[in-house]
Amino acid sequence: MVRGVAHAGRPTNRYELLTCAWRGHVVVGKDAARITKDDYLLVRETDGIRWLRCLRCDGWFPHQKPSSTTGETVPTRAEIALPDRGPVLRDRYVLRLIAFDRAIHVVLLTTLAAALFTFARHHTALQHDYNAIMNDLSGGDPGATSVRGVLGHLRNAFRYSPDHLVTLGLVISAYAILEAAEMVGLWLAKRWAEYLTFVATTMLVPFEIYELVAGVSVFKVVTLVINVAIVIYLLVAKRLFGVRGGQQVEMDRRHTLSGWEAIERATPQAPSQA
């Protein structure tokens, strides 16, 4: 038994169902020696069957009474750590999607930094090999072949000294570390990571707009749209910098939508109260 179904056949608790399918249901009272009427929110017994409620997806699952117990009674509310649910759980999925975007950035930036360090270390040998390749392609006449694509970018790279390449690699490495911090913090739903991501992403938007004005490409447009969407989401939905009531309103919202109040609203009436 699960919560209601939305229009078009989509369950209203689809994020909860997805999470439970991945991480398992969250139930309490399975091994309690005694079940009372006060436990109707969490566990009930009918005809010798113990029904346990998932505190995330609100499903009720049958279990036989335990042959051995680990406690006399069901844990109290103070002893139970409620899982995220409802819009709060949905927000966590959005944050982890942003964290995944940051993970891609970390991989790309780390790879680029490693390439720059390698290029700087073997600068002379690589330039010698590059000149040999270009001489072969041009038949001994460097001006006979137009240099484009990867070879053209490599020619530009040789204009920088090894020291400049190392400096650039260090800057990119520092940015990769920043992105990694955002990634970890967002995955764990930390408030400081939301602020860090907002500030870092907002600082990039003007540069991305400038790049888009200089030359339009699908990659530039998609990158700008994604980053603007992230900035708006964090500012408005997560109430950063006091927007829409700020952190206190966000905490109250979490308590209302993912706390015991939400559990009580979604609880079917106990049989004794019918």
Protein backbone atom coordinates (compact mmCIF):
# COMPACT_ATOMS: atom_id res chain seq x y z
CA MET A 1 0.00 0.00 0.00
CA VAL A 2 1.53 3.29 -1.07
CA ARG A 3 0.44 6.90 -1.28
CA GLY A 4 -1.83 8.31 -3.95
CA VAL A 5 -1.21 8.38 -7.68
CA ALA A 6 -0.88 11.62 -9.60
CA HIS A 7 -2.52 12.38 -12.90
CA ALA A 8 -1.31 10.52 -15.99
CA GLY A 9 -0.47 7.55 -13.79
CA ARG A 10 2.62 9.08 -12.18
CA PRO A 11 2.89 8.27 -8.46
CA THR A 12 3.13 11.32 -6.22
CA ASN A 13 5.92 9.63 -4.29
CA ARG A 14 8.02 8.65 -7.30
CA TYR A 15 11.23 10.09 -5.80
CA GLU A 16 10.63 8.09 -2.64
CA LEU A 17 9.94 4.91 -4.60
CA LEU A 18 13.08 5.41 -6.68
CA THR A 19 15.19 5.97 -3.59
CA CYS A 20 13.72 2.97 -1.77
CA ALA A 21 14.35 0.78 -4.83
CA TRP A 22 17.97 1.91 -4.72
CA ARG A 23 18.68 2.07 -0.99
CA GLY A 24 15.93 -0.05 0.56
CA HIS A 25 12.94 0.83 2.72
CA VAL A 26 13.27 2.60 6.07
CA VAL A 27 11.25 0.74 8.71
CA VAL A 28 11.32 0.55 12.50
CA GLY A 29 9.79 -1.83 15.02
CA LYS A 30 10.52 -5.02 13.12
CA ASP A 31 12.25 -6.64 16.10
CA ALA A 32 10.31 -4.93 18.90
CA ALA A 33 8.87 -7.31 21.48
CA ARG A 34 5.68 -5.34 21.98
CA ILE A 35 3.53 -3.18 19.70
CA THR A 36 1.05 -0.70 21.20
CA LYS A 37 -1.71 1.50 19.84
CA ASP A 38 0.63 4.47 20.15
CA ASP A 39 2.85 2.92 17.44
CA TYR A 40 0.16 3.10 14.72
CA LEU A 41 2.19 5.66 12.76
CA LEU A 42 5.05 3.19 12.30
CA VAL A 43 3.94 -0.38 12.80
CA ARG A 44 0.70 -2.30 13.28
CA GLU A 45 -0.31 -5.89 13.95
CA THR A 46 -3.33 -7.56 12.34
CA ASP A 47 -4.22 -11.27 12.48
CA GLY A 48 -0.76 -12.22 13.63
CA ILE A 49 0.98 -10.21 10.88
CA ARG A 50 3.18 -7.23 11.71
CA TRP A 51 2.84 -4.43 9.15
CA LEU A 52 5.86 -2.13 8.95
CA ARG A 53 5.65 1.30 7.40
CA CYS A 54 8.42 2.72 5.25
CA LEU A 55 9.13 6.19 6.57
CA ARG A 56 10.24 7.30 3.12
CA CYS A 57 7.70 5.97 0.59
CA ASP A 58 4.79 5.24 3.00
CA GLY A 59 4.46 1.65 1.84
CA TRP A 60 3.26 -0.94 4.38
CA PHE A 61 4.99 -4.31 4.28
CA PRO A 62 4.01 -7.54 6.06
CA HIS A 63 6.39 -9.43 8.34
CA GLN A 64 5.95 -12.34 10.69
CA LYS A 65 6.28 -11.59 14.37
CA PRO A 66 9.95 -11.94 15.35
CA SER A 67 11.07 -15.06 17.15
CA SER A 68 13.77 -13.03 18.88
CA THR A 69 13.68 -9.34 19.74
CA THR A 70 16.23 -6.59 20.13
CA GLY A 71 14.09 -4.24 22.21
CA GLU A 72 10.95 -4.17 24.30
CA THR A 73 9.21 -1.36 22.42
CA VAL A 74 9.34 0.56 19.16
CA PRO A 75 11.92 3.41 19.21
CA THR A 76 10.58 6.83 20.15
CA ARG A 77 10.43 9.72 17.72
CA ALA A 78 13.53 11.24 19.27
CA GLU A 79 15.43 8.04 18.52
CA ILE A 80 14.39 7.83 14.86
CA ALA A 81 16.26 9.68 12.10
CA LEU A 82 13.65 10.43 9.47
CA PRO A 83 14.74 10.15 5.82
CA ASP A 84 14.15 12.95 3.35
CA ARG A 85 10.82 12.72 1.54
CA GLY A 86 8.50 14.77 -0.65
CA PRO A 87 9.81 18.04 -2.13
CA VAL A 88 12.81 17.88 0.20
CA LEU A 89 13.88 14.59 -1.38
CA ARG A 90 13.26 16.03 -4.84
CA ASP A 91 15.56 18.95 -3.99
CA ARG A 92 18.23 16.48 -2.98
CA TYR A 93 18.00 14.81 -6.39
CA VAL A 94 18.42 18.21 -8.07
CA LEU A 95 21.47 18.99 -5.94
CA ARG A 96 23.00 15.64 -6.82
CA LEU A 97 22.34 16.30 -10.50
CA ILE A 98 24.30 19.55 -10.14
CA ALA A 99 26.98 17.59 -8.25
CA PHE A 100 27.18 15.19 -11.20
CA ASP A 101 27.68 18.18 -13.52
CA ARG A 102 30.50 19.32 -11.27
CA ALA A 103 32.02 15.83 -11.34
CA ILE A 104 32.25 16.06 -15.13
CA HIS A 105 33.99 19.41 -14.77
CA VAL A 106 36.47 17.95 -12.29
CA VAL A 107 37.40 15.12 -14.65
CA LEU A 108 37.84 17.44 -17.64
CA LEU A 109 39.79 20.07 -15.70
CA THR A 110 42.04 17.49 -14.07
CA THR A 111 42.77 15.92 -17.45
CA LEU A 112 43.56 19.32 -18.96
CA ALA A 113 45.85 20.25 -16.06
CA ALA A 114 47.70 16.94 -16.35
CA ALA A 115 48.12 17.52 -20.09
CA LEU A 116 49.53 21.00 -19.49
CA PHE A 117 52.02 19.75 -16.89
CA THR A 118 53.11 16.96 -19.23
CA PHE A 119 53.40 19.39 -22.13
CA ALA A 120 55.52 21.77 -20.05
CA ARG A 121 57.83 18.98 -18.87
CA HIS A 122 58.49 17.66 -22.38
CA HIS A 123 58.10 20.97 -24.20
CA THR A 124 61.31 20.80 -26.26
CA ALA A 125 60.91 17.20 -27.38
CA LEU A 126 57.23 17.70 -28.28
CA GLN A 127 57.99 20.83 -30.28
CA HIS A 128 60.69 18.95 -32.21
CA ASP A 129 58.23 16.13 -33.01
CA TYR A 130 55.53 18.64 -33.97
CA ASN A 131 57.84 20.46 -36.38
CA ALA A 132 58.84 17.15 -37.95
CA ILE A 133 55.18 16.18 -38.47
CA MET A 134 54.33 19.56 -39.99
CA ASN A 135 57.34 19.36 -42.34
CA ASP A 136 56.19 15.94 -43.52
CA LEU A 137 52.61 17.18 -44.09
CA SER A 138 53.74 20.29 -45.96
CA GLY A 139 56.43 18.55 -48.02
CA GLY A 140 59.13 20.72 -46.54
CA ASP A 141 57.22 23.96 -47.11
CA PRO A 142 55.57 25.12 -43.85
CA GLY A 143 53.42 27.62 -45.72
CA ALA A 144 51.96 25.03 -48.09
CA THR A 145 49.55 23.53 -45.56
CA SER A 146 46.94 25.47 -43.66
CA VAL A 147 47.13 24.50 -39.99
CA ARG A 148 43.69 23.90 -38.48
CA GLY A 149 42.00 21.78 -35.85
CA VAL A 150 44.11 20.00 -33.26
CA LEU A 151 47.38 20.76 -35.01
CA GLY A 152 46.48 24.44 -35.06
CA HIS A 153 45.79 24.44 -31.32
CA LEU A 154 49.09 22.68 -30.71
CA ARG A 155 50.94 25.35 -32.66
CA ASN A 156 49.35 27.98 -30.40
CA ALA A 157 50.40 26.00 -27.32
CA PHE A 158 54.06 26.16 -28.37
CA ARG A 159 53.89 29.96 -28.16
CA TYR A 160 53.82 29.64 -24.36
CA SER A 161 56.92 28.91 -22.33
CA PRO A 162 57.04 25.89 -20.01
CA ASP A 163 56.73 28.22 -17.00
CA HIS A 164 53.54 29.76 -18.42
CA LEU A 165 52.11 26.30 -19.06
CA VAL A 166 52.85 25.26 -15.47
CA THR A 167 51.18 28.42 -14.16
CA LEU A 168 48.12 27.76 -16.29
CA GLY A 169 48.07 24.14 -15.10
CA LEU A 170 48.15 25.30 -11.46
CA VAL A 171 45.26 27.71 -12.04
CA ILE A 172 43.19 24.98 -13.68
CA SER A 173 44.08 22.57 -10.86
CA ALA A 174 42.89 25.10 -8.28
CA TYR A 175 39.62 25.49 -10.16
CA ALA A 176 39.26 21.69 -10.31
CA ILE A 177 39.68 21.57 -6.51
CA LEU A 178 36.97 24.24 -6.15
CA GLU A 179 34.63 22.22 -8.36
CA ALA A 180 35.43 19.07 -6.38
CA ALA A 181 34.50 20.86 -3.14
CA GLU A 182 31.20 21.92 -4.71
CA MET A 183 30.59 18.38 -5.92
CA VAL A 184 31.09 16.76 -2.52
CA GLY A 185 29.16 19.43 -0.64
CA LEU A 186 26.18 19.33 -2.99
CA TRP A 187 26.08 15.53 -2.92
CA LEU A 188 25.83 15.72 0.86
CA ALA A 189 23.28 18.58 0.64
CA LYS A 190 25.43 21.02 2.63
CA ARG A 191 24.25 24.61 2.85
CA TRP A 192 27.76 26.02 2.43
CA ALA A 193 28.10 24.14 -0.87
CA GLU A 194 24.95 25.81 -2.20
CA TYR A 195 26.46 29.24 -1.48
CA LEU A 196 29.84 28.25 -2.90
CA THR A 197 28.26 26.88 -6.08
CA PHE A 198 26.06 29.96 -6.49
CA VAL A 199 28.98 32.40 -6.16
CA ALA A 200 31.36 30.40 -8.38
CA THR A 201 28.76 29.83 -11.10
CA THR A 202 27.52 33.44 -11.04
CA MET A 203 31.09 34.68 -11.58
CA LEU A 204 31.35 32.52 -14.72
CA VAL A 205 28.12 33.72 -16.36
CA PRO A 206 29.46 37.12 -17.61
CA PHE A 207 32.49 35.37 -19.14
CA GLU A 208 30.23 32.82 -20.83
CA ILE A 209 28.03 35.60 -22.23
CA TYR A 210 31.15 37.33 -23.60
CA GLU A 211 32.27 34.09 -25.23
CA LEU A 212 28.82 33.62 -26.74
CA VAL A 213 28.88 37.12 -28.23
CA ALA A 214 32.34 36.45 -29.69
CA GLY A 215 31.13 33.27 -31.41
CA VAL A 216 27.94 31.23 -31.08
CA SER A 217 28.13 27.46 -30.69
CA VAL A 218 25.79 24.79 -29.35
CA PHE A 219 28.22 23.94 -26.55
CA LYS A 220 28.43 27.57 -25.40
CA VAL A 221 24.65 28.00 -25.45
CA VAL A 222 24.01 24.78 -23.52
CA THR A 223 26.68 25.63 -20.94
CA LEU A 224 25.22 29.11 -20.38
CA VAL A 225 21.66 27.80 -20.08
CA ILE A 226 22.70 25.13 -17.56
CA ASN A 227 24.66 27.57 -15.40
CA VAL A 228 21.91 30.21 -15.44
CA ALA A 229 19.38 27.55 -14.45
CA ILE A 230 21.64 26.45 -11.58
CA VAL A 231 22.02 30.04 -10.35
CA ILE A 232 18.26 30.69 -10.44
CA TYR A 233 17.45 27.37 -8.76
CA LEU A 234 19.90 27.88 -5.91
CA LEU A 235 18.89 31.49 -5.33
CA VAL A 236 15.12 31.00 -5.48
CA ALA A 237 14.38 27.38 -4.59
CA LYS A 238 17.05 27.11 -1.88
CA ARG A 239 16.42 30.64 -0.56
CA LEU A 240 20.02 31.82 -0.51
CA PHE A 241 20.94 35.27 0.86
CA GLY A 242 17.55 35.67 2.54
CA VAL A 243 15.50 35.28 -0.65
CA ARG A 244 11.93 34.10 0.06
CA GLY A 245 12.54 34.12 3.79
CA GLY A 246 16.04 32.68 3.80
CA GLN A 247 17.40 29.75 5.76
CA GLN A 248 14.86 29.84 8.59
CA VAL A 249 11.97 29.45 6.15
CA GLU A 250 13.89 26.66 4.40
CA MET A 251 14.36 24.83 7.71
CA ASP A 252 10.67 25.25 8.55
CA ARG A 253 9.80 23.93 5.11
CA ARG A 254 11.98 20.86 5.64
CA HIS A 255 10.30 20.20 8.98
CA THR A 256 6.82 20.54 7.49
CA LEU A 257 7.42 18.52 4.32
CA SER A 258 9.84 15.89 5.58
CA GLY A 259 9.28 15.70 9.36
CA TRP A 260 6.79 14.00 11.63
CA GLU A 261 4.06 16.37 10.52
CA ALA A 262 4.36 14.98 6.99
CA ILE A 263 4.34 11.43 8.37
CA GLU A 264 1.11 12.14 10.27
CA ARG A 265 -0.60 13.70 7.25
CA ALA A 266 0.13 10.64 5.11
CA THR A 267 -0.92 8.09 7.78
CA PRO A 268 -4.08 6.04 7.18
CA GLN A 269 -6.51 5.90 10.07
CA ALA A 270 -5.77 3.27 12.67
CA PRO A 271 -8.30 0.39 12.72
CA SER A 272 -9.26 1.15 16.31
CA GLN A 273 -10.19 4.68 15.28
CA ALA A 274 -12.32 3.66 12.31
